[in-house]
C-alpha atoms as a PDB file:
ATOM      1  CA  UNK A   1     -22.964 182.612  59.379  1.00  0.00           C
ATOM      2  CA  UNK A   2     -22.619 185.336  56.200  1.00  0.00           C
ATOM      3  CA  UNK A   3     -19.443 185.944  54.600  1.00  0.00           C
ATOM      4  CA  UNK A   4     -18.891 189.440  56.417  1.00  0.00           C
ATOM      5  CA  UNK A   5     -18.806 187.479  59.837  1.00  0.00           C
ATOM      6  CA  UNK A   6     -16.387 184.932  58.208  1.00  0.00           C
ATOM      7  CA  UNK A   7     -14.124 187.587  56.672  1.00  0.00           C
ATOM      8  CA  UNK A   8     -13.733 189.147  60.045  1.00  0.00           C
ATOM      9  CA  UNK A   9     -13.570 185.722  61.924  1.00  0.00           C
ATOM     10  CA  UNK A  10     -10.404 184.661  59.562  1.00  0.00           C
ATOM     11  CA  UNK A  11      -8.735 187.784  59.818  1.00  0.00           C
ATOM     12  CA  UNK A  12      -8.632 187.703  63.755  1.00  0.00           C
ATOM     13  CA  UNK A  13      -7.029 183.976  63.224  1.00  0.00           C
ATOM     14  CA  UNK A  14      -4.239 186.139  61.233  1.00  0.00           C
ATOM     15  CA  UNK A  15      -3.757 188.881  63.875  1.00  0.00           C
ATOM     16  CA  UNK A  16      -3.329 185.948  66.658  1.00  0.00           C
ATOM     17  CA  UNK A  17      -0.766 183.697  64.276  1.00  0.00           C
ATOM     18  CA  UNK A  18       1.358 186.804  63.653  1.00  0.00           C
ATOM     19  CA  UNK A  19       1.544 188.561  67.214  1.00  0.00           C
ATOM     20  CA  UNK A  20       2.768 185.016  69.047  1.00  0.00           C
ATOM     21  CA  UNK A  21       5.955 185.250  66.805  1.00  0.00           C
ATOM     22  CA  UNK A  22       6.290 189.100  68.648  1.00  0.00           C
ATOM     23  CA  UNK A  23       6.095 187.296  71.961  1.00  0.00           C
ATOM     24  CA  UNK A  24       8.991 185.810  73.911  1.00  0.00           C
ATOM     25  CA  UNK A  25       9.128 182.345  74.151  1.00  0.00           C
ATOM     26  CA  UNK A  26       8.153 180.519  77.284  1.00  0.00           C
ATOM     27  CA  UNK A  27      11.198 179.057  79.286  1.00  0.00           C
ATOM     28  CA  UNK A  28      11.613 174.924  78.891  1.00  0.00           C
ATOM     29  CA  UNK A  29      13.954 173.480  81.416  1.00  0.00           C
ATOM     30  CA  UNK A  30      17.177 172.256  79.836  1.00  0.00           C
ATOM     31  CA  UNK A  31      17.625 168.950  78.351  1.00  0.00           C
ATOM     32  CA  UNK A  32      20.622 168.090  76.277  1.00  0.00           C
ATOM     33  CA  UNK A  33      20.855 168.770  72.554  1.00  0.00           C
ATOM     34  CA  UNK A  34      20.062 166.077  70.136  1.00  0.00           C
ATOM     35  CA  UNK A  35      20.757 166.568  66.666  1.00  0.00           C
ATOM     36  CA  UNK A  36      20.218 164.098  63.463  1.00  0.00           C
ATOM     37  CA  UNK A  37      23.480 162.714  62.342  1.00  0.00           C
ATOM     38  CA  UNK A  38      23.903 162.734  58.380  1.00  0.00           C
ATOM     39  CA  UNK A  39      26.987 161.255  57.433  1.00  0.00           C
ATOM     40  CA  UNK A  40      28.207 161.889  60.689  1.00  0.00           C
ATOM     41  CA  UNK A  41      27.538 165.668  60.359  1.00  0.00           C
ATOM     42  CA  UNK A  42      24.829 167.238  63.119  1.00  0.00           C
ATOM     43  CA  UNK A  43      22.323 168.707  61.301  1.00  0.00           C
ATOM     44  CA  UNK A  44      19.801 172.015  62.866  1.00  0.00           C
ATOM     45  CA  UNK A  45      16.550 172.714  62.158  1.00  0.00           C
ATOM     46  CA  UNK A  46      16.317 176.254  60.930  1.00  0.00           C
ATOM     47  CA  UNK A  47      14.672 178.914  62.404  1.00  0.00           C
ATOM     48  CA  UNK A  48      12.568 180.221  60.327  1.00  0.00           C
ATOM     49  CA  UNK A  49      10.069 176.994  59.845  1.00  0.00           C
ATOM     50  CA  UNK A  50       7.372 178.195  62.442  1.00  0.00           C
ATOM     51  CA  UNK A  51       6.531 181.523  60.449  1.00  0.00           C
ATOM     52  CA  UNK A  52       6.195 179.540  56.920  1.00  0.00           C
ATOM     53  CA  UNK A  53       4.254 177.393  59.080  1.00  0.00           C
ATOM     54  CA  UNK A  54       2.029 180.165  61.061  1.00  0.00           C
ATOM     55  CA  UNK A  55       1.921 181.804  56.800  1.00  0.00           C
ATOM     56  CA  UNK A  56       0.793 178.079  55.217  1.00  0.00           C
ATOM     57  CA  UNK A  57      -2.343 178.219  57.419  1.00  0.00           C
ATOM     58  CA  UNK A  58      -3.759 181.731  57.366  1.00  0.00           C
ATOM     59  CA  UNK A  59      -3.631 180.625  53.070  1.00  0.00           C
ATOM     60  CA  UNK A  60      -5.362 177.360  53.446  1.00  0.00           C
ATOM     61  CA  UNK A  61      -7.681 179.168  55.956  1.00  0.00           C
ATOM     62  CA  UNK A  62      -8.348 181.736  53.250  1.00  0.00           C
ATOM     63  CA  UNK A  63      -8.374 179.606  50.221  1.00  0.00           C
ATOM     64  CA  UNK A  64     -11.307 176.943  52.155  1.00  0.00           C
ATOM     65  CA  UNK A  65     -13.266 180.736  52.719  1.00  0.00           C
ATOM     66  CA  UNK A  66     -12.773 181.152  48.827  1.00  0.00           C
ATOM     67  CA  UNK A  67     -13.953 177.408  48.078  1.00  0.00           C
ATOM     68  CA  UNK A  68     -17.375 177.981  50.489  1.00  0.00           C
ATOM     69  CA  UNK A  69     -17.796 181.618  48.548  1.00  0.00           C
ATOM     70  CA  UNK A  70     -17.951 180.196  45.333  1.00  0.00           C
ATOM     71  CA  UNK A  71     -20.093 177.043  46.577  1.00  0.00           C
ATOM     72  CA  UNK A  72     -22.509 179.712  47.392  1.00  0.00           C
ATOM     73  CA  UNK A  73     -22.533 181.670  44.242  1.00  0.00           C
ATOM     74  CA  UNK A  74     -23.301 178.432  42.556  1.00  0.00           C
ATOM     75  CA  UNK A  75     -19.724 178.652  41.397  1.00  0.00           C
ATOM     76  CA  UNK A  76     -17.150 175.053  41.226  1.00  0.00           C
ATOM     77  CA  UNK A  77     -17.869 171.616  41.995  1.00  0.00           C
ATOM     78  CA  UNK A  78     -19.428 170.248  45.437  1.00  0.00           C
ATOM     79  CA  UNK A  79     -17.127 168.672  47.578  1.00  0.00           C
ATOM     80  CA  UNK A  80     -19.066 165.302  47.800  1.00  0.00           C
ATOM     81  CA  UNK A  81     -19.860 164.425  43.914  1.00  0.00           C
ATOM     82  CA  UNK A  82     -20.492 161.156  43.347  1.00  0.00           C
ATOM     83  CA  UNK A  83     -19.142 159.240  40.364  1.00  0.00           C
ATOM     84  CA  UNK A  84     -20.939 158.718  36.834  1.00  0.00           C
ATOM     85  CA  UNK A  85     -20.466 154.402  37.722  1.00  0.00           C
ATOM     86  CA  UNK A  86     -21.914 154.774  41.418  1.00  0.00           C
ATOM     87  CA  UNK A  87     -24.760 157.015  40.059  1.00  0.00           C
ATOM     88  CA  UNK A  88     -25.206 154.544  37.178  1.00  0.00           C
ATOM     89  CA  UNK A  89     -25.316 151.537  39.496  1.00  0.00           C
ATOM     90  CA  UNK A  90     -28.334 153.592  41.920  1.00  0.00           C
ATOM     91  CA  UNK A  91     -30.586 153.809  38.805  1.00  0.00           C
ATOM     92  CA  UNK A  92     -30.230 150.629  37.539  1.00  0.00           C
ATOM     93  CA  UNK A  93     -30.914 149.071  41.114  1.00  0.00           C
ATOM     94  CA  UNK A  94     -33.670 151.486  40.911  1.00  0.00           C
ATOM     95  CA  UNK A  95     -35.159 150.343  37.536  1.00  0.00           C
ATOM     96  CA  UNK A  96     -35.197 146.810  39.442  1.00  0.00           C
ATOM     97  CA  UNK A  97     -37.056 147.504  42.090  1.00  0.00           C
ATOM     98  CA  UNK A  98     -40.069 149.483  40.208  1.00  0.00           C
ATOM     99  CA  UNK A  99     -40.161 146.364  37.873  1.00  0.00           C
ATOM    100  CA  UNK A 100     -40.389 143.832  40.880  1.00  0.00           C
ATOM    101  CA  UNK A 101     -43.177 146.260  42.160  1.00  0.00           C
ATOM    102  CA  UNK A 102     -45.119 146.377  38.777  1.00  0.00           C
ATOM    103  CA  UNK A 103     -44.370 142.785  37.912  1.00  0.00           C
ATOM    104  CA  UNK A 104     -45.710 141.504  41.766  1.00  0.00           C
ATOM    105  CA  UNK A 105     -48.838 144.132  41.395  1.00  0.00           C
ATOM    106  CA  UNK A 106     -49.629 142.793  37.661  1.00  0.00           C
ATOM    107  CA  UNK A 107     -49.842 139.386  38.792  1.00  0.00           C
ATOM    108  CA  UNK A 108     -52.176 140.531  42.151  1.00  0.00           C
ATOM    109  CA  UNK A 109     -54.564 142.403  39.794  1.00  0.00           C
ATOM    110  CA  UNK A 110     -55.063 139.216  37.663  1.00  0.00           C
ATOM    111  CA  UNK A 111     -55.300 136.947  40.327  1.00  0.00           C
ATOM    112  CA  UNK A 112     -58.126 138.849  41.711  1.00  0.00           C
ATOM    113  CA  UNK A 113     -59.845 139.860  38.014  1.00  0.00           C
ATOM    114  CA  UNK A 114     -59.992 135.526  37.982  1.00  0.00           C
ATOM    115  CA  UNK A 115     -61.719 135.314  41.004  1.00  0.00           C
ATOM    116  CA  UNK A 116     -64.251 137.758  40.324  1.00  0.00           C
ATOM    117  CA  UNK A 117     -64.786 136.746  36.664  1.00  0.00           C
ATOM    118  CA  UNK A 118     -65.666 133.492  37.369  1.00  0.00           C
ATOM    119  CA  UNK A 119     -68.906 134.266  39.578  1.00  0.00           C
ATOM    120  CA  UNK A 120     -69.558 137.363  36.954  1.00  0.00           C
ATOM    121  CA  UNK A 121     -69.797 135.613  33.769  1.00  0.00           C
ATOM    122  CA  UNK A 122     -73.147 134.928  33.233  1.00  0.00           C
ATOM    123  CA  UNK A 123     -74.360 138.174  35.162  1.00  0.00           C
ATOM    124  CA  UNK A 124     -72.310 140.440  32.512  1.00  0.00           C
ATOM    125  CA  UNK A 125     -74.898 139.974  29.302  1.00  0.00           C
ATOM    126  CA  UNK A 126     -77.213 141.111  31.440  1.00  0.00           C
ATOM    127  CA  UNK A 127     -76.301 144.393  32.836  1.00  0.00           C
ATOM    128  CA  UNK A 128     -74.874 145.422  29.922  1.00  0.00           C
ATOM    129  CA  UNK A 129     -78.105 145.055  28.327  1.00  0.00           C
ATOM    130  CA  UNK A 130     -80.058 147.092  31.447  1.00  0.00           C
ATOM    131  CA  UNK A 131     -77.675 149.102  32.189  1.00  0.00           C
ATOM    132  CA  UNK A 132     -74.171 150.338  30.656  1.00  0.00           C
ATOM    133  CA  UNK A 133     -73.417 153.403  32.854  1.00  0.00           C
ATOM    134  CA  UNK A 134     -73.507 150.870  35.518  1.00  0.00           C
ATOM    135  CA  UNK A 135     -69.980 149.402  34.244  1.00  0.00           C
ATOM    136  CA  UNK A 136     -68.697 150.271  37.806  1.00  0.00           C
ATOM    137  CA  UNK A 137     -70.080 147.453  39.497  1.00  0.00           C
ATOM    138  CA  UNK A 138     -68.276 144.568  37.095  1.00  0.00           C
ATOM    139  CA  UNK A 139     -64.417 143.872  37.238  1.00  0.00           C
ATOM    140  CA  UNK A 140     -63.660 146.849  35.473  1.00  0.00           C
ATOM    141  CA  UNK A 141     -59.729 147.146  35.131  1.00  0.00           C
ATOM    142  CA  UNK A 142     -58.837 151.046  34.851  1.00  0.00           C
ATOM    143  CA  UNK A 143     -54.833 151.750  32.908  1.00  0.00           C
ATOM    144  CA  UNK A 144     -52.846 154.030  34.655  1.00  0.00           C
ATOM    145  CA  UNK A 145     -49.224 154.319  33.569  1.00  0.00           C
ATOM    146  CA  UNK A 146     -49.347 150.450  32.068  1.00  0.00           C
ATOM    147  CA  UNK A 147     -50.659 149.406  35.778  1.00  0.00           C
ATOM    148  CA  UNK A 148     -53.869 147.867  35.975  1.00  0.00           C
ATOM    149  CA  UNK A 149     -56.213 148.951  39.012  1.00  0.00           C
ATOM    150  CA  UNK A 150     -59.279 147.039  39.855  1.00  0.00           C
ATOM    151  CA  UNK A 151     -61.934 148.337  42.498  1.00  0.00           C
ATOM    152  CA  UNK A 152     -61.059 145.462  45.346  1.00  0.00           C
ATOM    153  CA  UNK A 153     -64.194 146.511  47.355  1.00  0.00           C
ATOM    154  CA  UNK A 154     -66.404 145.086  45.092  1.00  0.00           C
ATOM    155  CA  UNK A 155     -64.144 141.682  44.636  1.00  0.00           C
ATOM    156  CA  UNK A 156     -64.041 141.454  48.315  1.00  0.00           C
ATOM    157  CA  UNK A 157     -67.833 141.703  48.717  1.00  0.00           C
ATOM    158  CA  UNK A 158     -68.198 138.868  46.340  1.00  0.00           C
ATOM    159  CA  UNK A 159     -65.433 136.602  47.534  1.00  0.00           C
ATOM    160  CA  UNK A 160     -67.118 136.982  51.212  1.00  0.00           C
ATOM    161  CA  UNK A 161     -70.061 135.954  49.712  1.00  0.00           C
ATOM    162  CA  UNK A 162     -68.777 132.942  48.167  1.00  0.00           C
ATOM    163  CA  UNK A 163     -66.603 131.746  51.014  1.00  0.00           C
ATOM    164  CA  UNK A 164     -70.067 131.802  53.102  1.00  0.00           C
ATOM    165  CA  UNK A 165     -71.390 129.803  51.127  1.00  0.00           C
ATOM    166  CA  UNK A 166     -68.882 127.225  50.687  1.00  0.00           C
ATOM    167  CA  UNK A 167     -69.000 126.834  54.480  1.00  0.00           C
ATOM    168  CA  UNK A 168     -72.721 125.832  55.205  1.00  0.00           C
ATOM    169  CA  UNK A 169     -72.399 122.403  54.623  1.00  0.00           C
ATOM    170  CA  UNK A 170     -75.554 120.173  53.497  1.00  0.00           C
ATOM    171  CA  UNK A 171     -77.793 123.713  52.991  1.00  0.00           C
ATOM    172  CA  UNK A 172     -78.312 124.137  56.437  1.00  0.00           C
ATOM    173  CA  UNK A 173     -77.034 126.856  58.443  1.00  0.00           C
ATOM    174  CA  UNK A 174     -75.745 126.341  61.536  1.00  0.00           C
ATOM    175  CA  UNK A 175     -77.264 127.770  64.570  1.00  0.00           C
ATOM    176  CA  UNK A 176     -75.277 130.668  66.009  1.00  0.00           C
ATOM    177  CA  UNK A 177     -74.846 133.713  67.943  1.00  0.00           C
ATOM    178  CA  UNK A 178     -76.859 135.447  70.742  1.00  0.00           C
ATOM    179  CA  UNK A 179     -80.034 136.448  69.388  1.00  0.00           C
ATOM    180  CA  UNK A 180     -81.681 133.461  71.219  1.00  0.00           C
ATOM    181  CA  UNK A 181     -85.145 134.720  70.203  1.00  0.00           C
ATOM    182  CA  UNK A 182     -83.994 134.437  66.316  1.00  0.00           C
ATOM    183  CA  UNK A 183     -82.165 130.733  67.011  1.00  0.00           C
ATOM    184  CA  UNK A 184     -85.159 129.955  69.362  1.00  0.00           C
ATOM    185  CA  UNK A 185     -88.075 130.704  66.013  1.00  0.00           C
ATOM    186  CA  UNK A 186     -85.464 129.126  63.831  1.00  0.00           C
ATOM    187  CA  UNK A 187     -85.321 125.132  66.019  1.00  0.00           C
ATOM    188  CA  UNK A 188     -89.455 125.711  66.491  1.00  0.00           C
ATOM    189  CA  UNK A 189     -90.032 126.056  62.579  1.00  0.00           C
ATOM    190  CA  UNK A 190     -87.372 123.135  61.997  1.00  0.00           C
ATOM    191  CA  UNK A 191     -89.076 121.252  64.505  1.00  0.00           C
ATOM    192  CA  UNK A 192     -92.935 122.118  62.919  1.00  0.00           C
ATOM    193  CA  UNK A 193     -91.282 121.073  59.313  1.00  0.00           C
ATOM    194  CA  UNK A 194     -90.118 118.063  60.073  1.00  0.00           C
ATOM    195  CA  UNK A 195     -92.811 116.838  61.973  1.00  0.00           C
ATOM    196  CA  UNK A 196     -95.488 118.031  58.954  1.00  0.00           C
ATOM    197  CA  UNK A 197     -92.885 115.825  56.781  1.00  0.00           C
ATOM    198  CA  UNK A 198     -93.340 113.023  59.099  1.00  0.00           C
ATOM    199  CA  UNK A 199     -96.761 113.376  58.620  1.00  0.00           C
ATOM    200  CA  UNK A 200     -96.436 113.155  54.716  1.00  0.00           C
ATOM    201  CA  UNK A 201     -93.512 110.827  54.586  1.00  0.00           C
ATOM    202  CA  UNK A 202     -91.816 109.119  57.472  1.00  0.00           C
ATOM    203  CA  UNK A 203     -88.553 107.831  55.707  1.00  0.00           C
ATOM    204  CA  UNK A 204     -87.857 111.391  54.658  1.00  0.00           C
ATOM    205  CA  UNK A 205     -88.393 112.932  57.716  1.00  0.00           C
ATOM    206  CA  UNK A 206     -86.063 110.637  59.289  1.00  0.00           C
ATOM    207  CA  UNK A 207     -83.452 110.805  56.383  1.00  0.00           C
ATOM    208  CA  UNK A 208     -83.463 114.643  57.381  1.00  0.00           C
ATOM    209  CA  UNK A 209     -82.978 114.152  61.000  1.00  0.00           C
ATOM    210  CA  UNK A 210     -79.705 112.224  60.582  1.00  0.00           C
ATOM    211  CA  UNK A 211     -78.806 115.227  57.762  1.00  0.00           C
ATOM    212  CA  UNK A 212     -79.090 117.662  60.197  1.00  0.00           C
ATOM    213  CA  UNK A 213     -77.235 115.625  62.998  1.00  0.00           C
ATOM    214  CA  UNK A 214     -74.683 115.015  60.766  1.00  0.00           C
ATOM    215  CA  UNK A 215     -74.174 118.580  59.659  1.00  0.00           C
ATOM    216  CA  UNK A 216     -74.318 119.857  63.357  1.00  0.00           C
ATOM    217  CA  UNK A 217     -71.490 117.353  64.147  1.00  0.00           C
ATOM    218  CA  UNK A 218     -69.640 118.763  61.400  1.00  0.00           C
ATOM    219  CA  UNK A 219     -69.766 122.058  62.462  1.00  0.00           C
ATOM    220  CA  UNK A 220     -68.708 121.122  66.081  1.00  0.00           C
ATOM    221  CA  UNK A 221     -65.718 119.216  64.684  1.00  0.00           C
ATOM    222  CA  UNK A 222     -64.248 122.659  63.067  1.00  0.00           C
ATOM    223  CA  UNK A 223     -65.234 124.147  66.935  1.00  0.00           C
ATOM    224  CA  UNK A 224     -68.128 126.173  66.099  1.00  0.00           C
ATOM    225  CA  UNK A 225     -70.517 125.891  68.842  1.00  0.00           C
ATOM    226  CA  UNK A 226     -74.311 124.856  67.882  1.00  0.00           C
ATOM    227  CA  UNK A 227     -77.150 126.092  70.171  1.00  0.00           C
ATOM    228  CA  UNK A 228     -79.944 124.242  69.043  1.00  0.00           C
ATOM    229  CA  UNK A 229     -81.534 122.683  72.419  1.00  0.00           C
ATOM    230  CA  UNK A 230     -84.649 124.582  72.711  1.00  0.00           C
ATOM    231  CA  UNK A 231     -85.170 124.797  76.905  1.00  0.00           C
ATOM    232  CA  UNK A 232     -81.757 126.258  76.764  1.00  0.00           C
ATOM    233  CA  UNK A 233     -82.359 129.025  74.429  1.00  0.00           C
ATOM    234  CA  UNK A 234     -85.597 129.694  76.366  1.00  0.00           C
ATOM    235  CA  UNK A 235     -83.605 129.784  79.579  1.00  0.00           C
ATOM    236  CA  UNK A 236     -81.042 132.128  77.905  1.00  0.00           C
ATOM    237  CA  UNK A 237     -84.016 134.238  76.226  1.00  0.00           C
ATOM    238  CA  UNK A 238     -85.498 135.036  79.417  1.00  0.00           C
ATOM    239  CA  UNK A 239     -81.798 135.634  81.348  1.00  0.00           C
ATOM    240  CA  UNK A 240     -81.156 137.865  78.629  1.00  0.00           C
ATOM    241  CA  UNK A 241     -84.418 139.758  79.481  1.00  0.00           C
ATOM    242  CA  UNK A 242     -84.038 140.001  82.552  1.00  0.00           C
ATOM    243  CA  UNK A 243     -80.570 141.520  82.234  1.00  0.00           C
ATOM    244  CA  UNK A 244     -82.366 143.815  79.574  1.00  0.00           C
ATOM    245  CA  UNK A 245     -85.046 144.803  82.681  1.00  0.00           C
ATOM    246  CA  UNK A 246     -82.639 145.253  85.286  1.00  0.00           C
ATOM    247  CA  UNK A 247     -80.732 147.570  83.340  1.00  0.00           C
ATOM    248  CA  UNK A 248     -83.640 149.754  82.186  1.00  0.00           C
ATOM    249  CA  UNK A 249     -84.420 149.296  85.705  1.00  0.00           C
ATOM    250  CA  UNK A 250     -81.115 151.012  87.046  1.00  0.00           C
ATOM    251  CA  UNK A 251     -81.610 153.571  84.362  1.00  0.00           C
ATOM    252  CA  UNK A 252     -84.869 154.788  85.645  1.00  0.00           C
ATOM    253  CA  UNK A 253     -83.968 155.107  88.985  1.00  0.00           C
ATOM    254  CA  UNK A 254     -80.544 157.190  87.756  1.00  0.00           C
ATOM    255  CA  UNK A 255     -82.571 159.636  85.609  1.00  0.00           C
ATOM    256  CA  UNK A 256     -84.837 160.121  88.658  1.00  0.00           C
ATOM    257  CA  UNK A 257     -81.866 160.543  90.920  1.00  0.00           C
ATOM    258  CA  UNK A 258     -80.621 162.758  88.838  1.00  0.00           C
ATOM    259  CA  UNK A 259     -83.717 164.841  88.384  1.00  0.00           C
ATOM    260  CA  UNK A 260     -83.987 164.999  92.091  1.00  0.00           C
ATOM    261  CA  UNK A 261     -80.684 166.720  92.424  1.00  0.00           C
ATOM    262  CA  UNK A 262     -81.094 168.779  89.812  1.00  0.00           C
ATOM    263  CA  UNK A 263     -84.733 170.106  91.647  1.00  0.00           C
ATOM    264  CA  UNK A 264     -82.787 170.098  95.278  1.00  0.00           C
ATOM    265  CA  UNK A 265     -80.100 172.551  93.561  1.00  0.00           C
ATOM    266  CA  UNK A 266     -82.823 174.627  92.235  1.00  0.00           C
ATOM    267  CA  UNK A 267     -84.891 174.585  95.100  1.00  0.00           C
ATOM    268  CA  UNK A 268     -81.600 175.919  96.970  1.00  0.00           C
ATOM    269  CA  UNK A 269     -80.263 178.401  94.607  1.00  0.00           C
ATOM    270  CA  UNK A 270     -84.066 180.365  95.176  1.00  0.00           C
ATOM    271  CA  UNK A 271     -83.550 180.473  98.446  1.00  0.00           C
ATOM    272  CA  UNK A 272     -80.372 181.835  98.697  1.00  0.00           C
ATOM    273  CA  UNK A 273     -81.331 184.612  96.342  1.00  0.00           C
ATOM    274  CA  UNK A 274     -84.351 185.341  98.543  1.00  0.00           C
ATOM    275  CA  UNK A 275     -81.890 185.114 101.664  1.00  0.00           C
ATOM    276  CA  UNK A 276     -79.929 187.612  99.764  1.00  0.00           C
ATOM    277  CA  UNK A 277     -82.113 190.323  98.767  1.00  0.00           C
ATOM    278  CA  UNK A 278     -84.053 189.988 102.242  1.00  0.00           C
ATOM    279  CA  UNK A 279     -80.908 190.722 103.690  1.00  0.00           C
ATOM    280  CA  UNK A 280     -80.504 193.708 101.501  1.00  0.00           C
ATOM    281  CA  UNK A 281     -83.923 195.680 102.471  1.00  0.00           C
ATOM    282  CA  UNK A 282     -83.004 195.382 106.319  1.00  0.00           C
ATOM    283  CA  UNK A 283     -79.358 197.016 105.165  1.00  0.00           C
ATOM    284  CA  UNK A 284     -81.704 199.659 104.135  1.00  0.00           C
ATOM    285  CA  UNK A 285     -83.962 199.113 106.879  1.00  0.00           C
ATOM    286  CA  UNK A 286     -81.496 199.765 109.775  1.00  0.00           C
ATOM    287  CA  UNK A 287     -79.665 202.574 107.491  1.00  0.00           C
ATOM    288  CA  UNK A 288     -83.268 204.703 107.645  1.00  0.00           C
ATOM    289  CA  UNK A 289     -83.585 204.009 110.740  1.00  0.00           C
ATOM    290  CA  UNK A 290     -80.460 205.424 111.961  1.00  0.00           C
ATOM    291  CA  UNK A 291     -81.282 208.633 110.354  1.00  0.00           C
ATOM    292  CA  UNK A 292     -83.961 209.171 112.398  1.00  0.00           C
ATOM    293  CA  UNK A 293     -86.706 207.764 110.160  1.00  0.00           C
ATOM    294  CA  UNK A 294     -90.037 206.064 111.242  1.00  0.00           C
ATOM    295  CA  UNK A 295     -91.170 202.725 109.550  1.00  0.00           C
ATOM    296  CA  UNK A 296     -94.876 201.312 109.439  1.00  0.00           C
ATOM    297  CA  UNK A 297     -93.619 198.104 111.326  1.00  0.00           C
ATOM    298  CA  UNK A 298     -91.941 200.379 114.274  1.00  0.00           C
ATOM    299  CA  UNK A 299     -95.404 201.882 114.649  1.00  0.00           C
ATOM    300  CA  UNK A 300     -97.331 198.560 114.620  1.00  0.00           C
ATOM    301  CA  UNK A 301     -94.465 197.346 116.749  1.00  0.00           C
ATOM    302  CA  UNK A 302     -95.230 200.694 119.340  1.00  0.00           C
ATOM    303  CA  UNK A 303     -98.811 200.173 119.324  1.00  0.00           C
ATOM    304  CA  UNK A 304     -98.682 196.735 120.351  1.00  0.00           C
END
């Protein structure tokens, strides 16, 4: 709403207020007059009160309009100006939040750096001698505005490797997963190793067998399903290969059906095209016969 439209709105409102003075007052039902008593004497309200109130309304509206004009020009103070105490309090809270956030981030980065440095201490010297440009792989800390940022992805990979090594009990990896072919080959390799060790030393072979049994029991206690039964692995592998063969057969059948349907559609299209061409030729022949021309086909029919 621009200033011209605001001014016209104020002028209309003022004209309505002044026009109400000239109108006749509405008739009201009769009621007994109750005047205020001040020290036993009655006082009446003056007649010019309404006119003063009307004038005061127009003045208030004009004052508001001028205030808005000044605000739009950039003069005068804004309405919702905050006090200095409130602004100082807000600034103090903001600084406190930033300080806590920075402290948490520094603590997290320090922890990550400690975890990575424990494993990389023996390797740092070798890497510096080989390639100083490859320092990105090391745990480097870059400082931006006094906040340390560490390459978290590389640290996470190192941590995963460490956790994986810790989870392996007795240097025997658990036989888990759905790659039945690989599991079967690992079981057969373990059996062959035990047999070879039994030929050399019966006691060591027995100890190794007991160790494998105990580690499998520990894995099972943690809820890991150990697949070390050779017969079950063979059956599962056979079932998996059978499912794969069945899927391949279904896929080949589906592709053959698709090719056959495509060929049928092509044949139908060719037949329709030939039929349309033949229909056009017949129509031309009929028009020629109507004009009185004799076609070779008609001569052959007449000769017969």
